[in-house]
Amino acid sequence: MVALPETFAPSDVPEDERSFEPIPVGVYNVQIIESKIEDTKSGSGQMLVLTLEIIDGEYANRRLWDRLNVRNDNPQAQQIAQRALADLCLQIGIAQLRDTDELHFKPLSVKVGIRQDKTGQYGPQNTVRYAVGAKTAPAAGNAASRQAAPAARGPSAAQGRPATGAKPWNQPKAAAKTQQEMDDEIPF
């Protein structure tokens, strides 16, 4: 038993204004903030559990989760997870991954979808796909290159994607896309 330093009254705490509804389908700039390896429910494999945080826009600071079956008795499940991990590594410029900490706090773009639970037990959930070929802008090496116009630094910067290694509060705002543009980019 632990005595609290003062009496806690739950009624004194304001209501939580956070929404736990899935975020809309679209492309979002994120960074991985946490990773861990867990055994699968069956105990016959392992999955890499990633926590992603949206770093800009209307849904900044919202979190998404991805579970990749990096070891699984089902070869197809394992292959899908390894392809997703490969796409993730390629997007952030990692040629060989030895520790998942190497994935942390590196901006990247993901395609977010919504999956419906076929059993009806759970509500709709977000899905994450690592945008193949979507590269974030390279980190600026000196003050002169940071002052360059976004178009001069390449298409990623012109589209409002964050520079690699940039802190969320130092990133440009993403240009708004129409719903049709976002729908055309999502393959599900």
Protein backbone atom coordinates (compact mmCIF):
# COMPACT_ATOMS: atom_id res chain seq x y z
CA MET A 1 0.00 0.00 0.00
CA VAL A 2 1.20 3.50 -0.82
CA ALA A 3 -0.18 6.64 0.79
CA LEU A 4 -0.67 9.54 -1.61
CA PRO A 5 0.83 12.89 -0.59
CA GLU A 6 -2.65 14.47 -0.87
CA THR A 7 -6.19 13.32 -1.47
CA PHE A 8 -6.97 12.67 -5.14
CA ALA A 9 -10.45 13.59 -6.37
CA PRO A 10 -11.21 12.26 -9.89
CA SER A 11 -14.02 14.81 -10.25
CA ASP A 12 -11.39 17.61 -10.09
CA VAL A 13 -9.70 16.35 -13.27
CA PRO A 14 -11.00 17.91 -16.54
CA GLU A 15 -12.56 15.65 -19.18
CA ASP A 16 -10.17 14.17 -21.73
CA GLU A 17 -10.62 15.96 -25.07
CA ARG A 18 -8.50 13.50 -27.04
CA SER A 19 -10.21 11.51 -29.76
CA PHE A 20 -9.58 7.83 -30.15
CA GLU A 21 -11.36 7.63 -33.48
CA PRO A 22 -9.16 6.57 -36.42
CA ILE A 23 -7.54 9.41 -38.32
CA PRO A 24 -8.76 9.90 -41.90
CA VAL A 25 -7.22 8.01 -44.80
CA GLY A 26 -4.26 9.90 -46.25
CA VAL A 27 -0.51 10.38 -46.35
CA TYR A 28 1.08 11.62 -43.13
CA ASN A 29 4.56 12.60 -42.01
CA VAL A 30 5.50 10.54 -38.97
CA GLN A 31 8.42 9.44 -36.87
CA ILE A 32 8.88 6.20 -34.98
CA ILE A 33 9.12 6.96 -31.28
CA GLU A 34 9.14 3.45 -29.81
CA SER A 35 9.87 -0.10 -30.92
CA LYS A 36 9.91 -3.48 -29.25
CA ILE A 37 9.89 -7.16 -30.09
CA GLU A 38 6.98 -9.21 -28.74
CA ASP A 39 6.02 -12.85 -29.08
CA THR A 40 3.01 -13.49 -31.27
CA LYS A 41 -0.24 -14.53 -29.61
CA SER A 42 0.41 -18.17 -30.60
CA GLY A 43 3.95 -17.99 -29.20
CA SER A 44 5.36 -19.45 -32.41
CA GLY A 45 6.79 -16.20 -33.79
CA GLN A 46 7.83 -12.66 -33.05
CA MET A 47 6.54 -9.31 -34.14
CA LEU A 48 8.16 -5.90 -34.24
CA VAL A 49 5.74 -3.45 -32.62
CA LEU A 50 6.27 0.16 -33.77
CA THR A 51 4.73 3.29 -32.27
CA LEU A 52 4.56 6.12 -34.81
CA GLU A 53 3.74 9.74 -34.06
CA ILE A 54 2.35 12.19 -36.61
CA ILE A 55 4.71 15.17 -36.67
CA ASP A 56 2.73 17.89 -38.44
CA GLY A 57 -0.67 19.00 -39.62
CA GLU A 58 -4.08 18.74 -38.03
CA TYR A 59 -3.30 15.36 -36.44
CA ALA A 60 0.14 16.27 -35.06
CA ASN A 61 1.07 14.21 -31.98
CA ARG A 62 -1.53 11.50 -32.72
CA ARG A 63 -0.09 8.01 -32.57
CA LEU A 64 -0.36 5.02 -34.84
CA TRP A 65 0.81 1.46 -34.25
CA ASP A 66 2.17 -1.15 -36.60
CA ARG A 67 2.88 -4.81 -35.88
CA LEU A 68 5.23 -6.60 -38.25
CA ASN A 69 5.45 -10.41 -38.05
CA VAL A 70 9.22 -10.55 -38.56
CA ARG A 71 9.27 -14.24 -37.54
CA ASN A 72 6.19 -16.32 -38.23
CA ASP A 73 5.24 -19.91 -39.06
CA ASN A 74 3.21 -18.53 -41.95
CA PRO A 75 5.77 -17.69 -44.67
CA GLN A 76 3.41 -15.23 -46.36
CA ALA A 77 2.83 -13.25 -43.12
CA GLN A 78 6.58 -13.15 -42.54
CA GLN A 79 7.27 -12.06 -46.13
CA ILE A 80 4.70 -9.24 -45.93
CA ALA A 81 6.22 -7.97 -42.67
CA GLN A 82 9.77 -8.15 -43.98
CA ARG A 83 8.76 -6.24 -47.12
CA ALA A 84 7.14 -3.54 -44.98
CA LEU A 85 10.27 -3.31 -42.81
CA ALA A 86 12.43 -3.13 -45.96
CA ASP A 87 10.26 -0.31 -47.36
CA LEU A 88 10.56 1.53 -44.05
CA CYS A 89 14.36 1.15 -43.96
CA LEU A 90 14.75 2.21 -47.59
CA GLN A 91 12.63 5.30 -47.05
CA ILE A 92 14.76 6.56 -44.16
CA GLY A 93 18.08 5.49 -45.69
CA ILE A 94 19.06 2.47 -43.58
CA ALA A 95 21.01 -0.10 -45.59
CA GLN A 96 21.38 -2.63 -42.75
CA LEU A 97 19.33 -2.64 -39.58
CA ARG A 98 20.95 -4.00 -36.44
CA ASP A 99 18.95 -2.28 -33.71
CA THR A 100 15.44 -0.85 -33.96
CA ASP A 101 16.65 2.30 -32.19
CA GLU A 102 18.11 3.22 -35.59
CA LEU A 103 14.52 3.74 -36.79
CA HIS A 104 13.61 6.25 -34.10
CA PHE A 105 13.00 9.97 -34.70
CA LYS A 106 13.63 9.89 -38.46
CA PRO A 107 10.83 11.56 -40.43
CA LEU A 108 9.10 9.49 -43.08
CA SER A 109 5.81 9.40 -44.97
CA VAL A 110 3.21 6.70 -44.42
CA LYS A 111 -0.07 5.89 -46.09
CA VAL A 112 -2.78 5.51 -43.50
CA GLY A 113 -5.88 3.47 -44.14
CA ILE A 114 -8.79 2.25 -42.03
CA ARG A 115 -9.48 -1.43 -41.39
CA GLN A 116 -12.84 -2.72 -40.21
CA ASP A 117 -12.83 -5.62 -37.76
CA LYS A 118 -14.59 -8.50 -39.53
CA THR A 119 -15.68 -10.03 -36.22
CA GLY A 120 -17.33 -6.84 -35.00
CA GLN A 121 -15.51 -7.15 -31.68
CA TYR A 122 -13.47 -4.01 -32.24
CA GLY A 123 -14.16 -0.67 -33.86
CA PRO A 124 -12.37 0.60 -36.98
CA GLN A 125 -8.58 0.85 -36.70
CA ASN A 126 -5.89 2.64 -38.66
CA THR A 127 -3.48 0.69 -40.83
CA VAL A 128 -0.03 1.87 -41.86
CA ARG A 129 1.81 1.31 -45.15
CA TYR A 130 5.29 2.65 -45.73
CA ALA A 131 5.19 4.77 -48.87
CA VAL A 132 7.46 2.99 -51.33
CA GLY A 133 9.70 5.49 -53.07
CA ALA A 134 8.56 8.39 -50.85
CA LYS A 135 11.71 9.98 -49.56
CA THR A 136 11.88 12.77 -47.04
CA ALA A 137 14.14 15.70 -47.85
CA PRO A 138 17.81 15.21 -46.92
CA ALA A 139 19.09 17.01 -43.84
CA ALA A 140 20.45 20.47 -44.57
CA GLY A 141 24.21 20.48 -44.06
CA ASN A 142 24.81 24.20 -43.55
CA ALA A 143 23.02 27.46 -42.98
CA ALA A 144 23.13 28.40 -46.69
CA SER A 145 21.34 25.23 -47.76
CA ARG A 146 18.71 25.73 -45.03
CA GLN A 147 17.92 29.14 -46.54
CA ALA A 148 17.42 27.69 -50.05
CA ALA A 149 13.94 27.71 -51.50
CA PRO A 150 12.05 24.45 -50.92
CA ALA A 151 11.84 23.73 -54.65
CA ALA A 152 15.63 23.98 -54.89
CA ARG A 153 16.01 21.23 -52.31
CA GLY A 154 13.90 18.77 -54.27
CA PRO A 155 10.31 17.62 -54.56
CA SER A 156 10.07 16.32 -50.99
CA ALA A 157 10.77 19.73 -49.50
CA ALA A 158 8.44 21.41 -51.98
CA GLN A 159 5.66 19.05 -50.88
CA GLY A 160 6.16 20.07 -47.26
CA ARG A 161 7.81 16.92 -46.00
CA PRO A 162 10.19 17.39 -43.08
CA ALA A 163 13.94 17.36 -43.46
CA THR A 164 15.57 14.18 -42.13
CA GLY A 165 16.48 14.61 -38.49
CA ALA A 166 14.49 17.84 -38.13
CA LYS A 167 12.63 18.34 -34.88
CA PRO A 168 8.83 18.42 -35.25
CA TRP A 169 8.66 22.09 -34.22
CA ASN A 170 11.21 23.05 -36.93
CA GLN A 171 9.33 21.43 -39.82
CA PRO A 172 7.38 23.19 -42.56
CA LYS A 173 3.62 22.79 -42.69
CA ALA A 174 2.44 20.26 -45.28
CA ALA A 175 0.43 21.57 -48.21
CA ALA A 176 -3.23 20.56 -48.07
CA LYS A 177 -4.24 17.85 -50.51
CA THR A 178 -7.70 17.25 -51.84
CA GLN A 179 -9.52 14.12 -50.75
CA GLN A 180 -9.36 12.85 -54.36
CA GLU A 181 -5.53 13.22 -54.42
CA MET A 182 -5.22 11.27 -51.17
CA ASP A 183 -7.64 8.56 -52.35
CA ASP A 184 -5.67 8.13 -55.58
CA GLU A 185 -2.48 7.45 -53.59
CA ILE A 186 -3.95 4.81 -51.28
CA PRO A 187 -3.86 1.32 -52.79
CA PHE A 188 -6.54 -0.18 -50.54
